Amino acid sequence: MLRVLRRFGPAVWSDIVACVETQLPIAAVHDFVRLAQLDTVEDAVFLARHFYVFLAAYDGSSQELKALLAHPDWRARAALAEGIRAGRAIPQDTMTSIMESLVADRDYKVRAAVAEAVGRSTAPGVEHLLATLLEDRNWHVRERLLQGLAARAGDDDSAAELVIRGQAAWRHGPRNIRVAAQRLLLKSGRQPIRDATTHLALPCSACYEKSAPVPYGYP
């Protein structure tokens, strides 16, 4: 299976995961993880993206998970955020621990990946991460968080309050991010931030300038 993974890459990811989930006993799954080469990007990204399958029996302090969180290639670390976004059942303590580590990552692309996952999450215990990400020094990170929040079902008053509290900074952000912040406020039933270009009217959805997704895959 590892030889197939290394030869064909993401094209066979779903097939390998399906085989592992339906065919392999837990001992074989442990062997797969043991034989994987976490120092290579290909193996690391695959295991990180599907950590809920391969590391489900481990707690948040497992050496494999620690290796992925500290991987020198940003794609492996960001893939952990994609795994969280997959919506699988993950122990709350493990998920929170992973999110906290990624939110503090040195690479903005990793923080952007986890920002959307945090925004989408309705799990308890991640509220403090919202404030951190909404004040991130990189605007792309803030936008991905707002996109995640916008995908939530229902309103998010706490996020709206954070946007209002920091509106002096939001008022001078890039236009597409100001629009995302305005939409979050309107969705929460709040008054939009007033600035020179966006307080009169919001553009139609066709005019919204979406950021390109962060790439992880191969080739």
N, C-alpha and C. Protein backbone atom coordinates (compact mmCIF):
# COMPACT_ATOMS: atom_id res chain seq x y z
N MET A 1 0.83 -1.21 0.00
CA MET A 1 0.00 0.00 0.00
C MET A 1 0.86 1.26 0.00
N LEU A 2 1.97 1.24 0.74
CA LEU A 2 2.86 2.39 0.75
C LEU A 2 3.52 2.59 -0.61
N ARG A 3 3.85 1.50 -1.27
CA ARG A 3 4.44 1.62 -2.60
C ARG A 3 3.43 2.23 -3.58
N VAL A 4 2.18 1.80 -3.48
CA VAL A 4 1.13 2.37 -4.34
C VAL A 4 0.95 3.86 -4.03
N LEU A 5 0.93 4.19 -2.74
CA LEU A 5 0.77 5.58 -2.32
C LEU A 5 1.88 6.45 -2.90
N ARG A 6 3.11 5.98 -2.81
CA ARG A 6 4.25 6.78 -3.28
C ARG A 6 4.30 6.87 -4.80
N ARG A 7 3.75 5.89 -5.47
CA ARG A 7 3.77 5.91 -6.93
C ARG A 7 2.69 6.80 -7.52
N PHE A 8 1.48 6.72 -6.95
CA PHE A 8 0.33 7.40 -7.57
C PHE A 8 -0.13 8.65 -6.82
N GLY A 9 0.30 8.83 -5.58
CA GLY A 9 -0.02 10.05 -4.85
C GLY A 9 -1.50 10.25 -4.56
N PRO A 10 -1.98 11.51 -4.58
CA PRO A 10 -3.36 11.82 -4.19
C PRO A 10 -4.42 11.10 -5.01
N ALA A 11 -4.07 10.62 -6.20
CA ALA A 11 -5.07 9.92 -7.02
C ALA A 11 -5.60 8.67 -6.34
N VAL A 12 -4.83 8.09 -5.42
CA VAL A 12 -5.27 6.85 -4.75
C VAL A 12 -5.53 7.05 -3.27
N TRP A 13 -5.49 8.29 -2.80
CA TRP A 13 -5.71 8.53 -1.37
C TRP A 13 -7.02 7.94 -0.88
N SER A 14 -8.11 8.25 -1.56
CA SER A 14 -9.42 7.78 -1.10
C SER A 14 -9.51 6.26 -1.12
N ASP A 15 -8.87 5.62 -2.10
CA ASP A 15 -8.91 4.16 -2.18
C ASP A 15 -8.14 3.53 -1.01
N ILE A 16 -6.99 4.10 -0.69
CA ILE A 16 -6.20 3.56 0.43
C ILE A 16 -6.93 3.75 1.74
N VAL A 17 -7.52 4.92 1.94
CA VAL A 17 -8.26 5.16 3.18
C VAL A 17 -9.44 4.20 3.30
N ALA A 18 -10.16 3.98 2.20
CA ALA A 18 -11.30 3.06 2.22
C ALA A 18 -10.83 1.65 2.56
N CYS A 19 -9.70 1.24 2.01
CA CYS A 19 -9.17 -0.09 2.30
C CYS A 19 -8.79 -0.21 3.78
N VAL A 20 -8.13 0.82 4.29
CA VAL A 20 -7.73 0.80 5.70
C VAL A 20 -8.94 0.73 6.61
N GLU A 21 -9.96 1.50 6.31
CA GLU A 21 -11.13 1.57 7.18
C GLU A 21 -11.97 0.30 7.14
N THR A 22 -11.95 -0.42 6.02
CA THR A 22 -12.86 -1.57 5.87
C THR A 22 -12.15 -2.92 5.89
N GLN A 23 -10.84 -2.93 5.65
CA GLN A 23 -10.16 -4.21 5.47
C GLN A 23 -9.07 -4.50 6.49
N LEU A 24 -8.37 -3.50 6.95
CA LEU A 24 -7.19 -3.75 7.76
C LEU A 24 -7.52 -3.86 9.25
N PRO A 25 -6.96 -4.85 9.94
CA PRO A 25 -7.07 -4.90 11.39
C PRO A 25 -6.19 -3.81 12.00
N ILE A 26 -6.44 -3.51 13.26
CA ILE A 26 -5.74 -2.40 13.91
C ILE A 26 -4.23 -2.63 13.94
N ALA A 27 -3.79 -3.88 14.05
CA ALA A 27 -2.35 -4.17 14.06
C ALA A 27 -1.71 -3.78 12.73
N ALA A 28 -2.42 -4.03 11.64
CA ALA A 28 -1.89 -3.67 10.32
C ALA A 28 -1.85 -2.16 10.13
N VAL A 29 -2.84 -1.46 10.70
CA VAL A 29 -2.82 0.00 10.63
C VAL A 29 -1.60 0.54 11.37
N HIS A 30 -1.30 -0.04 12.52
CA HIS A 30 -0.11 0.38 13.27
C HIS A 30 1.16 0.10 12.46
N ASP A 31 1.19 -1.02 11.76
CA ASP A 31 2.35 -1.32 10.91
C ASP A 31 2.49 -0.30 9.80
N PHE A 32 1.37 0.08 9.21
CA PHE A 32 1.39 1.09 8.14
C PHE A 32 2.02 2.38 8.64
N VAL A 33 1.58 2.83 9.82
CA VAL A 33 2.12 4.07 10.39
C VAL A 33 3.60 3.91 10.71
N ARG A 34 3.97 2.75 11.24
CA ARG A 34 5.37 2.52 11.62
C ARG A 34 6.28 2.52 10.41
N LEU A 35 5.81 1.98 9.28
CA LEU A 35 6.62 1.88 8.08
C LEU A 35 6.61 3.15 7.24
N ALA A 36 5.66 4.01 7.50
CA ALA A 36 5.62 5.27 6.76
C ALA A 36 6.85 6.11 7.11
N GLN A 37 7.31 6.88 6.16
CA GLN A 37 8.50 7.73 6.36
C GLN A 37 8.04 9.17 6.56
N LEU A 38 7.89 9.54 7.81
CA LEU A 38 7.35 10.86 8.12
C LEU A 38 8.30 11.98 7.74
N ASP A 39 9.58 11.66 7.49
CA ASP A 39 10.50 12.70 7.07
C ASP A 39 10.36 13.04 5.60
N THR A 40 9.55 12.25 4.87
CA THR A 40 9.27 12.58 3.47
C THR A 40 7.92 13.29 3.39
N VAL A 41 7.83 14.26 2.49
CA VAL A 41 6.63 15.08 2.41
C VAL A 41 5.42 14.25 1.99
N GLU A 42 5.60 13.36 1.03
CA GLU A 42 4.48 12.58 0.50
C GLU A 42 3.79 11.77 1.60
N ASP A 43 4.58 10.99 2.34
CA ASP A 43 4.00 10.17 3.40
C ASP A 43 3.41 11.04 4.51
N ALA A 44 4.12 12.10 4.87
CA ALA A 44 3.67 12.95 5.97
C ALA A 44 2.36 13.64 5.65
N VAL A 45 2.23 14.18 4.44
CA VAL A 45 1.00 14.88 4.07
C VAL A 45 -0.18 13.92 4.06
N PHE A 46 0.02 12.72 3.53
CA PHE A 46 -1.07 11.74 3.49
C PHE A 46 -1.53 11.39 4.90
N LEU A 47 -0.60 11.06 5.79
CA LEU A 47 -0.98 10.68 7.15
C LEU A 47 -1.59 11.86 7.90
N ALA A 48 -1.06 13.06 7.67
CA ALA A 48 -1.62 14.23 8.35
C ALA A 48 -3.05 14.50 7.89
N ARG A 49 -3.28 14.41 6.60
CA ARG A 49 -4.62 14.68 6.06
C ARG A 49 -5.63 13.66 6.58
N HIS A 50 -5.18 12.44 6.87
CA HIS A 50 -6.09 11.38 7.32
C HIS A 50 -5.70 10.88 8.71
N PHE A 51 -5.23 11.79 9.54
CA PHE A 51 -4.76 11.37 10.86
C PHE A 51 -5.87 10.74 11.70
N TYR A 52 -7.11 11.11 11.44
CA TYR A 52 -8.23 10.56 12.20
C TYR A 52 -8.43 9.07 11.89
N VAL A 53 -7.86 8.58 10.80
CA VAL A 53 -7.91 7.15 10.47
C VAL A 53 -6.72 6.41 11.05
N PHE A 54 -5.54 6.98 10.83
CA PHE A 54 -4.31 6.27 11.17
C PHE A 54 -3.86 6.49 12.61
N LEU A 55 -4.25 7.60 13.19
CA LEU A 55 -3.80 7.90 14.54
C LEU A 55 -4.97 7.97 15.51
N ALA A 56 -6.09 7.37 15.13
CA ALA A 56 -7.29 7.44 15.97
C ALA A 56 -7.08 6.77 17.32
N ALA A 57 -6.23 5.76 17.36
CA ALA A 57 -6.00 5.04 18.61
C ALA A 57 -4.98 5.74 19.49
N TYR A 58 -4.37 6.81 18.97
CA TYR A 58 -3.36 7.53 19.72
C TYR A 58 -3.99 8.73 20.40
N ASP A 59 -3.37 9.19 21.47
CA ASP A 59 -3.87 10.43 22.06
C ASP A 59 -3.09 11.61 21.47
N GLY A 60 -3.41 12.80 21.91
CA GLY A 60 -2.80 13.98 21.33
C GLY A 60 -1.32 14.11 21.59
N SER A 61 -0.75 13.26 22.46
CA SER A 61 0.68 13.35 22.76
C SER A 61 1.49 12.29 22.02
N SER A 62 0.91 11.61 21.02
CA SER A 62 1.63 10.57 20.30
C SER A 62 2.83 11.15 19.57
N GLN A 63 3.87 10.34 19.46
CA GLN A 63 5.08 10.80 18.79
C GLN A 63 4.82 11.10 17.31
N GLU A 64 3.95 10.29 16.69
CA GLU A 64 3.64 10.53 15.27
C GLU A 64 2.97 11.88 15.07
N LEU A 65 2.02 12.18 15.93
CA LEU A 65 1.33 13.46 15.81
C LEU A 65 2.28 14.63 16.10
N LYS A 66 3.14 14.45 17.09
CA LYS A 66 4.13 15.49 17.37
C LYS A 66 5.05 15.71 16.18
N ALA A 67 5.43 14.62 15.52
CA ALA A 67 6.31 14.73 14.35
C ALA A 67 5.62 15.49 13.22
N LEU A 68 4.33 15.25 13.04
CA LEU A 68 3.60 15.96 11.99
C LEU A 68 3.43 17.44 12.32
N LEU A 69 3.17 17.75 13.57
CA LEU A 69 3.01 19.15 13.97
C LEU A 69 4.32 19.93 13.85
N ALA A 70 5.44 19.21 13.95
CA ALA A 70 6.74 19.86 13.86
C ALA A 70 7.42 19.62 12.52
N HIS A 71 6.69 19.09 11.56
CA HIS A 71 7.29 18.75 10.27
C HIS A 71 7.89 19.99 9.61
N PRO A 72 9.07 19.89 9.02
CA PRO A 72 9.70 21.07 8.40
C PRO A 72 8.97 21.60 7.17
N ASP A 73 8.14 20.76 6.53
CA ASP A 73 7.40 21.22 5.36
C ASP A 73 6.01 21.69 5.79
N TRP A 74 5.67 22.93 5.43
CA TRP A 74 4.39 23.51 5.86
C TRP A 74 3.19 22.72 5.38
N ARG A 75 3.32 22.00 4.26
CA ARG A 75 2.19 21.26 3.71
C ARG A 75 1.75 20.14 4.64
N ALA A 76 2.70 19.53 5.32
CA ALA A 76 2.34 18.47 6.26
C ALA A 76 1.58 19.04 7.45
N ARG A 77 2.02 20.18 7.94
CA ARG A 77 1.33 20.79 9.08
C ARG A 77 -0.05 21.28 8.68
N ALA A 78 -0.14 21.90 7.51
CA ALA A 78 -1.44 22.40 7.05
C ALA A 78 -2.41 21.26 6.77
N ALA A 79 -1.91 20.10 6.37
CA ALA A 79 -2.78 18.96 6.08
C ALA A 79 -3.52 18.50 7.33
N LEU A 80 -2.95 18.72 8.51
CA LEU A 80 -3.66 18.39 9.75
C LEU A 80 -4.93 19.23 9.87
N ALA A 81 -4.86 20.49 9.47
CA ALA A 81 -6.05 21.34 9.49
C ALA A 81 -7.10 20.82 8.51
N GLU A 82 -6.65 20.35 7.35
CA GLU A 82 -7.59 19.78 6.38
C GLU A 82 -8.25 18.53 6.96
N GLY A 83 -7.49 17.77 7.73
CA GLY A 83 -8.07 16.60 8.38
C GLY A 83 -9.17 16.97 9.36
N ILE A 84 -8.97 18.05 10.10
CA ILE A 84 -10.00 18.52 11.02
C ILE A 84 -11.23 18.98 10.25
N ARG A 85 -11.01 19.67 9.14
CA ARG A 85 -12.14 20.14 8.32
C ARG A 85 -12.94 19.00 7.72
N ALA A 86 -12.35 17.81 7.63
CA ALA A 86 -13.06 16.67 7.04
C ALA A 86 -14.30 16.29 7.84
N GLY A 87 -14.37 16.74 9.09
CA GLY A 87 -15.57 16.54 9.87
C GLY A 87 -15.71 15.18 10.51
N ARG A 88 -14.63 14.43 10.63
CA ARG A 88 -14.70 13.13 11.27
C ARG A 88 -14.74 13.29 12.80
N ALA A 89 -15.08 12.19 13.46
CA ALA A 89 -15.13 12.19 14.91
C ALA A 89 -13.70 12.19 15.45
N ILE A 90 -13.30 13.27 16.09
CA ILE A 90 -11.97 13.41 16.65
C ILE A 90 -12.14 13.78 18.13
N PRO A 91 -11.40 13.12 19.03
CA PRO A 91 -11.51 13.50 20.44
C PRO A 91 -11.29 15.00 20.63
N GLN A 92 -12.13 15.62 21.44
CA GLN A 92 -12.10 17.07 21.59
C GLN A 92 -10.73 17.57 22.05
N ASP A 93 -10.13 16.89 23.02
CA ASP A 93 -8.84 17.34 23.52
C ASP A 93 -7.78 17.29 22.44
N THR A 94 -7.81 16.24 21.62
CA THR A 94 -6.83 16.12 20.53
C THR A 94 -7.04 17.22 19.51
N MET A 95 -8.29 17.47 19.12
CA MET A 95 -8.57 18.48 18.12
C MET A 95 -8.16 19.87 18.60
N THR A 96 -8.47 20.20 19.85
CA THR A 96 -8.11 21.50 20.40
C THR A 96 -6.60 21.66 20.46
N SER A 97 -5.90 20.60 20.87
CA SER A 97 -4.45 20.65 20.94
C SER A 97 -3.82 20.90 19.58
N ILE A 98 -4.35 20.22 18.55
CA ILE A 98 -3.83 20.41 17.19
C ILE A 98 -4.10 21.84 16.73
N MET A 99 -5.32 22.33 16.93
CA MET A 99 -5.67 23.68 16.51
C MET A 99 -4.78 24.72 17.18
N GLU A 100 -4.56 24.57 18.48
CA GLU A 100 -3.74 25.54 19.20
C GLU A 100 -2.33 25.59 18.65
N SER A 101 -1.78 24.44 18.32
CA SER A 101 -0.44 24.39 17.75
C SER A 101 -0.40 25.06 16.38
N LEU A 102 -1.39 24.78 15.53
CA LEU A 102 -1.39 25.32 14.18
C LEU A 102 -1.68 26.82 14.16
N VAL A 103 -2.50 27.29 15.08
CA VAL A 103 -2.80 28.72 15.16
C VAL A 103 -1.53 29.51 15.47
N ALA A 104 -0.60 28.89 16.19
CA ALA A 104 0.65 29.56 16.55
C ALA A 104 1.77 29.26 15.55
N ASP A 105 1.45 28.63 14.44
CA ASP A 105 2.48 28.24 13.47
C ASP A 105 3.17 29.46 12.88
N ARG A 106 4.45 29.29 12.52
CA ARG A 106 5.23 30.40 11.96
C ARG A 106 4.83 30.73 10.53
N ASP A 107 4.20 29.79 9.82
CA ASP A 107 3.87 29.99 8.41
C ASP A 107 2.42 30.42 8.27
N TYR A 108 2.21 31.54 7.58
CA TYR A 108 0.84 32.05 7.48
C TYR A 108 -0.07 31.10 6.72
N LYS A 109 0.49 30.28 5.81
CA LYS A 109 -0.36 29.35 5.05
C LYS A 109 -0.93 28.27 5.96
N VAL A 110 -0.18 27.86 6.95
CA VAL A 110 -0.68 26.89 7.93
C VAL A 110 -1.75 27.55 8.78
N ARG A 111 -1.49 28.77 9.24
CA ARG A 111 -2.49 29.47 10.05
C ARG A 111 -3.77 29.71 9.26
N ALA A 112 -3.62 29.98 7.96
CA ALA A 112 -4.81 30.19 7.13
C ALA A 112 -5.62 28.91 7.01
N ALA A 113 -4.93 27.78 6.88
CA ALA A 113 -5.64 26.50 6.76
C ALA A 113 -6.42 26.18 8.03
N VAL A 114 -5.80 26.38 9.18
CA VAL A 114 -6.51 26.07 10.43
C VAL A 114 -7.54 27.13 10.75
N ALA A 115 -7.35 28.36 10.24
CA ALA A 115 -8.32 29.41 10.50
C ALA A 115 -9.70 29.04 9.97
N GLU A 116 -9.75 28.49 8.77
CA GLU A 116 -11.05 28.09 8.24
C GLU A 116 -11.65 26.94 9.05
N ALA A 117 -10.79 26.01 9.49
CA ALA A 117 -11.27 24.90 10.32
C ALA A 117 -11.83 25.41 11.64
N VAL A 118 -11.14 26.36 12.26
CA VAL A 118 -11.63 26.95 13.52
C VAL A 118 -12.94 27.68 13.26
N GLY A 119 -13.01 28.41 12.16
CA GLY A 119 -14.24 29.13 11.86
C GLY A 119 -15.43 28.22 11.69
N ARG A 120 -15.22 27.08 11.08
CA ARG A 120 -16.30 26.13 10.85
C ARG A 120 -16.69 25.36 12.11
N SER A 121 -15.77 25.24 13.03
CA SER A 121 -15.97 24.39 14.21
C SER A 121 -17.02 24.98 15.16
N THR A 122 -17.88 24.13 15.64
CA THR A 122 -18.84 24.53 16.66
C THR A 122 -18.54 23.83 17.99
N ALA A 123 -17.37 23.20 18.06
CA ALA A 123 -16.99 22.47 19.26
C ALA A 123 -16.65 23.45 20.38
N PRO A 124 -16.96 23.10 21.62
CA PRO A 124 -16.60 23.97 22.74
C PRO A 124 -15.08 23.98 22.94
N GLY A 125 -14.60 25.06 23.52
CA GLY A 125 -13.18 25.12 23.85
C GLY A 125 -12.29 25.74 22.80
N VAL A 126 -12.87 26.26 21.70
CA VAL A 126 -12.04 26.89 20.66
C VAL A 126 -12.31 28.39 20.54
N GLU A 127 -13.13 28.93 21.44
CA GLU A 127 -13.49 30.33 21.33
C GLU A 127 -12.27 31.25 21.42
N HIS A 128 -11.30 30.88 22.27
CA HIS A 128 -10.13 31.74 22.43
C HIS A 128 -9.31 31.82 21.16
N LEU A 129 -9.44 30.81 20.29
CA LEU A 129 -8.69 30.82 19.04
C LEU A 129 -9.28 31.82 18.04
N LEU A 130 -10.58 32.10 18.17
CA LEU A 130 -11.21 33.08 17.28
C LEU A 130 -10.56 34.45 17.44
N ALA A 131 -10.37 34.87 18.69
CA ALA A 131 -9.79 36.19 18.94
C ALA A 131 -8.36 36.26 18.39
N THR A 132 -7.61 35.19 18.58
CA THR A 132 -6.23 35.17 18.10
C THR A 132 -6.18 35.29 16.59
N LEU A 133 -7.01 34.53 15.89
CA LEU A 133 -6.98 34.51 14.43
C LEU A 133 -7.55 35.79 13.83
N LEU A 134 -8.55 36.37 14.46
CA LEU A 134 -9.12 37.62 13.94
C LEU A 134 -8.13 38.78 14.04
N GLU A 135 -7.11 38.62 14.88
CA GLU A 135 -6.09 39.65 15.02
C GLU A 135 -4.76 39.22 14.41
N ASP A 136 -4.78 38.16 13.61
CA ASP A 136 -3.54 37.69 12.99
C ASP A 136 -2.93 38.80 12.14
N ARG A 137 -1.61 38.83 12.09
CA ARG A 137 -0.92 39.88 11.34
C ARG A 137 -1.07 39.71 9.83
N ASN A 138 -1.54 38.54 9.39
CA ASN A 138 -1.70 38.30 7.96
C ASN A 138 -3.18 38.37 7.60
N TRP A 139 -3.53 39.19 6.61
CA TRP A 139 -4.92 39.38 6.26
C TRP A 139 -5.54 38.13 5.63
N HIS A 140 -4.74 37.33 4.95
CA HIS A 140 -5.28 36.11 4.35
C HIS A 140 -5.77 35.15 5.42
N VAL A 141 -5.07 35.11 6.56
CA VAL A 141 -5.50 34.27 7.67
C VAL A 141 -6.86 34.75 8.19
N ARG A 142 -7.00 36.06 8.34
CA ARG A 142 -8.27 36.59 8.82
C ARG A 142 -9.41 36.28 7.84
N GLU A 143 -9.11 36.38 6.56
CA GLU A 143 -10.16 36.11 5.57
C GLU A 143 -10.60 34.66 5.62
N ARG A 144 -9.65 33.73 5.75
CA ARG A 144 -10.02 32.32 5.81
C ARG A 144 -10.87 32.02 7.05
N LEU A 145 -10.57 32.71 8.15
CA LEU A 145 -11.41 32.54 9.34
C LEU A 145 -12.82 33.04 9.07
N LEU A 146 -12.94 34.19 8.44
CA LEU A 146 -14.26 34.73 8.13
C LEU A 146 -15.02 33.81 7.18
N GLN A 147 -14.32 33.20 6.24
CA GLN A 147 -14.96 32.25 5.33
C GLN A 147 -15.48 31.05 6.10
N GLY A 148 -14.70 30.58 7.07
CA GLY A 148 -15.15 29.46 7.88
C GLY A 148 -16.37 29.82 8.71
N LEU A 149 -16.35 31.00 9.30
CA LEU A 149 -17.49 31.45 10.10
C LEU A 149 -18.74 31.59 9.24
N ALA A 150 -18.56 32.09 8.02
CA ALA A 150 -19.69 32.27 7.12
C ALA A 150 -20.32 30.94 6.74
N ALA A 151 -19.54 29.85 6.79
CA ALA A 151 -20.05 28.53 6.42
C ALA A 151 -20.78 27.85 7.58
N ARG A 152 -20.70 28.43 8.76
CA ARG A 152 -21.41 27.86 9.91
C ARG A 152 -22.91 28.00 9.74
N ALA A 153 -23.63 27.08 10.35
CA ALA A 153 -25.08 27.20 10.39
C ALA A 153 -25.45 28.14 11.53
N GLY A 154 -26.28 29.13 11.23
CA GLY A 154 -26.71 30.05 12.27
C GLY A 154 -25.77 31.23 12.42
N ASP A 155 -26.07 32.08 13.39
CA ASP A 155 -25.30 33.29 13.61
C ASP A 155 -24.12 33.01 14.53
N ASP A 156 -23.17 33.93 14.54
CA ASP A 156 -22.03 33.82 15.43
C ASP A 156 -21.80 35.18 16.07
N ASP A 157 -22.46 35.41 17.20
CA ASP A 157 -22.39 36.71 17.85
C ASP A 157 -21.00 37.01 18.39
N SER A 158 -20.31 35.98 18.91
CA SER A 158 -19.00 36.23 19.49
C SER A 158 -18.01 36.71 18.44
N ALA A 159 -18.04 36.11 17.26
CA ALA A 159 -17.14 36.56 16.19
C ALA A 159 -17.52 37.96 15.73
N ALA A 160 -18.82 38.24 15.64
CA ALA A 160 -19.26 39.57 15.24
C ALA A 160 -18.79 40.61 16.24
N GLU A 161 -18.85 40.29 17.53
CA GLU A 161 -18.39 41.23 18.55
C GLU A 161 -16.90 41.51 18.40
N LEU A 162 -16.12 40.46 18.07
CA LEU A 162 -14.68 40.65 17.89
C LEU A 162 -14.39 41.53 16.68
N VAL A 163 -15.15 41.36 15.61
CA VAL A 163 -14.97 42.19 14.43
C VAL A 163 -15.30 43.64 14.76
N ILE A 164 -16.40 43.87 15.47
CA ILE A 164 -16.80 45.23 15.84
C ILE A 164 -15.76 45.87 16.75
N ARG A 165 -15.26 45.08 17.71
CA ARG A 165 -14.28 45.61 18.66
C ARG A 165 -13.01 46.08 17.95
N GLY A 166 -12.62 45.37 16.90
CA GLY A 166 -11.40 45.74 16.18
C GLY A 166 -11.68 46.42 14.86
N GLN A 167 -12.79 47.14 14.77
CA GLN A 167 -13.20 47.68 13.48
C GLN A 167 -12.27 48.77 12.96
N ALA A 168 -11.51 49.42 13.84
CA ALA A 168 -10.56 50.42 13.35
C ALA A 168 -9.54 49.78 12.43
N ALA A 169 -9.10 48.56 12.78
CA ALA A 169 -8.14 47.84 11.92
C ALA A 169 -8.84 47.26 10.70
N TRP A 170 -10.04 46.70 10.89
CA TRP A 170 -10.75 46.10 9.76
C TRP A 170 -11.10 47.14 8.71
N ARG A 171 -11.36 48.36 9.16
CA ARG A 171 -11.77 49.42 8.23
C ARG A 171 -10.71 49.71 7.18
N HIS A 172 -9.46 49.42 7.50
CA HIS A 172 -8.36 49.73 6.59
C HIS A 172 -7.76 48.47 5.97
N GLY A 173 -8.44 47.35 6.08
CA GLY A 173 -7.93 46.13 5.48
C GLY A 173 -8.20 46.06 3.99
N PRO A 174 -7.69 45.02 3.32
CA PRO A 174 -7.97 44.83 1.89
C PRO A 174 -9.47 44.76 1.62
N ARG A 175 -9.88 45.21 0.47
CA ARG A 175 -11.31 45.34 0.17
C ARG A 175 -12.05 44.01 0.28
N ASN A 176 -11.49 42.92 -0.26
CA ASN A 176 -12.21 41.65 -0.23
C ASN A 176 -12.40 41.15 1.20
N ILE A 177 -11.47 41.49 2.09
CA ILE A 177 -11.60 41.06 3.48
C ILE A 177 -12.58 41.95 4.22
N ARG A 178 -12.62 43.24 3.89
CA ARG A 178 -13.64 44.12 4.49
C ARG A 178 -15.03 43.64 4.12
N VAL A 179 -15.19 43.20 2.87
CA VAL A 179 -16.49 42.69 2.43
C VAL A 179 -16.86 41.44 3.23
N ALA A 180 -15.89 40.54 3.44
CA ALA A 180 -16.17 39.32 4.22
C ALA A 180 -16.57 39.66 5.65
N ALA A 181 -15.90 40.66 6.24
CA ALA A 181 -16.26 41.09 7.59
C ALA A 181 -17.66 41.70 7.61
N GLN A 182 -17.98 42.50 6.60
CA GLN A 182 -19.31 43.11 6.53
C GLN A 182 -20.40 42.04 6.44
N ARG A 183 -20.14 41.02 5.65
CA ARG A 183 -21.15 39.96 5.50
C ARG A 183 -21.38 39.22 6.80
N LEU A 184 -20.29 39.00 7.55
CA LEU A 184 -20.44 38.34 8.84
C LEU A 184 -21.29 39.18 9.78
N LEU A 185 -21.06 40.49 9.78
CA LEU A 185 -21.85 41.36 10.64
C LEU A 185 -23.32 41.36 10.23
N LEU A 186 -23.58 41.43 8.93
CA LEU A 186 -24.96 41.43 8.46
C LEU A 186 -25.65 40.10 8.77
N LYS A 187 -24.91 39.01 8.64
CA LYS A 187 -25.47 37.70 8.95
C LYS A 187 -25.85 37.61 10.42
N SER A 188 -25.10 38.30 11.27
CA SER A 188 -25.37 38.29 12.70
C SER A 188 -26.37 39.38 13.11
N GLY A 189 -26.91 40.08 12.12
CA GLY A 189 -27.89 41.12 12.42
C GLY A 189 -27.29 42.39 12.96
N ARG A 190 -26.01 42.64 12.68
CA ARG A 190 -25.34 43.85 13.17
C ARG A 190 -25.22 44.89 12.07
N GLN A 191 -24.96 46.11 12.50
CA GLN A 191 -24.73 47.18 11.55
C GLN A 191 -23.36 47.00 10.91
N PRO A 192 -23.23 47.26 9.61
CA PRO A 192 -21.92 47.11 8.96
C PRO A 192 -20.94 48.17 9.43
N ILE A 193 -19.67 47.86 9.28
CA ILE A 193 -18.62 48.83 9.56
C ILE A 193 -18.71 49.94 8.51
N ARG A 194 -18.64 51.16 8.95
CA ARG A 194 -18.74 52.28 8.03
C ARG A 194 -17.35 52.72 7.60
N ASP A 195 -17.10 52.65 6.30
CA ASP A 195 -15.86 53.18 5.76
C ASP A 195 -16.15 53.79 4.40
N ALA A 196 -15.14 54.31 3.75
CA ALA A 196 -15.33 55.11 2.54
C ALA A 196 -15.86 54.31 1.36
N THR A 197 -15.63 52.97 1.37
CA THR A 197 -15.97 52.21 0.17
C THR A 197 -17.03 51.15 0.37
N THR A 198 -17.30 50.73 1.61
CA THR A 198 -18.21 49.60 1.78
C THR A 198 -19.45 49.90 2.59
N HIS A 199 -19.61 51.11 3.15
CA HIS A 199 -20.76 51.33 4.01
C HIS A 199 -22.03 51.60 3.23
N LEU A 200 -21.92 52.00 1.97
CA LEU A 200 -23.13 52.31 1.20
C LEU A 200 -23.85 51.05 0.75
N ALA A 201 -23.09 50.08 0.23
CA ALA A 201 -23.71 48.85 -0.26
C ALA A 201 -22.65 47.78 -0.40
N LEU A 202 -23.06 46.56 -0.19
CA LEU A 202 -22.16 45.44 -0.40
C LEU A 202 -22.29 44.95 -1.83
N PRO A 203 -21.20 44.53 -2.46
CA PRO A 203 -21.28 44.04 -3.83
C PRO A 203 -22.01 42.72 -3.89
N CYS A 204 -22.48 42.38 -5.08
CA CYS A 204 -23.13 41.10 -5.25
C CYS A 204 -22.11 39.99 -5.11
N SER A 205 -22.59 38.77 -4.88
CA SER A 205 -21.69 37.65 -4.64
C SER A 205 -20.79 37.39 -5.84
N ALA A 206 -21.25 37.71 -7.04
CA ALA A 206 -20.43 37.46 -8.23
C ALA A 206 -19.22 38.37 -8.26
N CYS A 207 -19.28 39.49 -7.50
CA CYS A 207 -18.16 40.43 -7.51
C CYS A 207 -17.20 40.18 -6.37
N TYR A 208 -17.52 39.24 -5.50
CA TYR A 208 -16.68 39.00 -4.34
C TYR A 208 -15.34 38.40 -4.75
N GLU A 209 -14.28 38.97 -4.26
CA GLU A 209 -12.95 38.54 -4.65
C GLU A 209 -12.46 37.45 -3.71
N LYS A 210 -12.63 36.21 -4.12
CA LYS A 210 -12.22 35.10 -3.26
C LYS A 210 -10.73 34.85 -3.41
N SER A 211 -10.10 34.46 -2.30
CA SER A 211 -8.68 34.13 -2.34
C SER A 211 -8.52 32.73 -2.87
N ALA A 212 -7.39 32.46 -3.53
CA ALA A 212 -7.09 31.13 -4.03
C ALA A 212 -6.86 30.18 -2.88
N PRO A 213 -7.33 28.93 -2.98
CA PRO A 213 -7.12 27.96 -1.90
C PRO A 213 -5.65 27.66 -1.72
N VAL A 214 -5.29 27.30 -0.50
CA VAL A 214 -3.91 26.94 -0.21
C VAL A 214 -3.63 25.54 -0.71
N PRO A 215 -2.62 25.34 -1.55
CA PRO A 215 -2.38 23.99 -2.12
C PRO A 215 -1.61 23.10 -1.17
N TYR A 216 -2.00 21.82 -1.11
CA TYR A 216 -1.25 20.85 -0.32
C TYR A 216 -0.79 19.68 -1.16
N GLY A 217 -1.52 19.35 -2.21
CA GLY A 217 -1.38 18.06 -2.87
C GLY A 217 -0.19 17.93 -3.78
N TYR A 218 -0.16 16.83 -4.39
CA TYR A 218 0.91 16.50 -5.31
C TYR A 218 0.28 16.09 -6.62
N PRO A 219 0.95 16.27 -7.77
CA PRO A 219 2.27 16.90 -7.86
C PRO A 219 2.17 18.41 -7.70
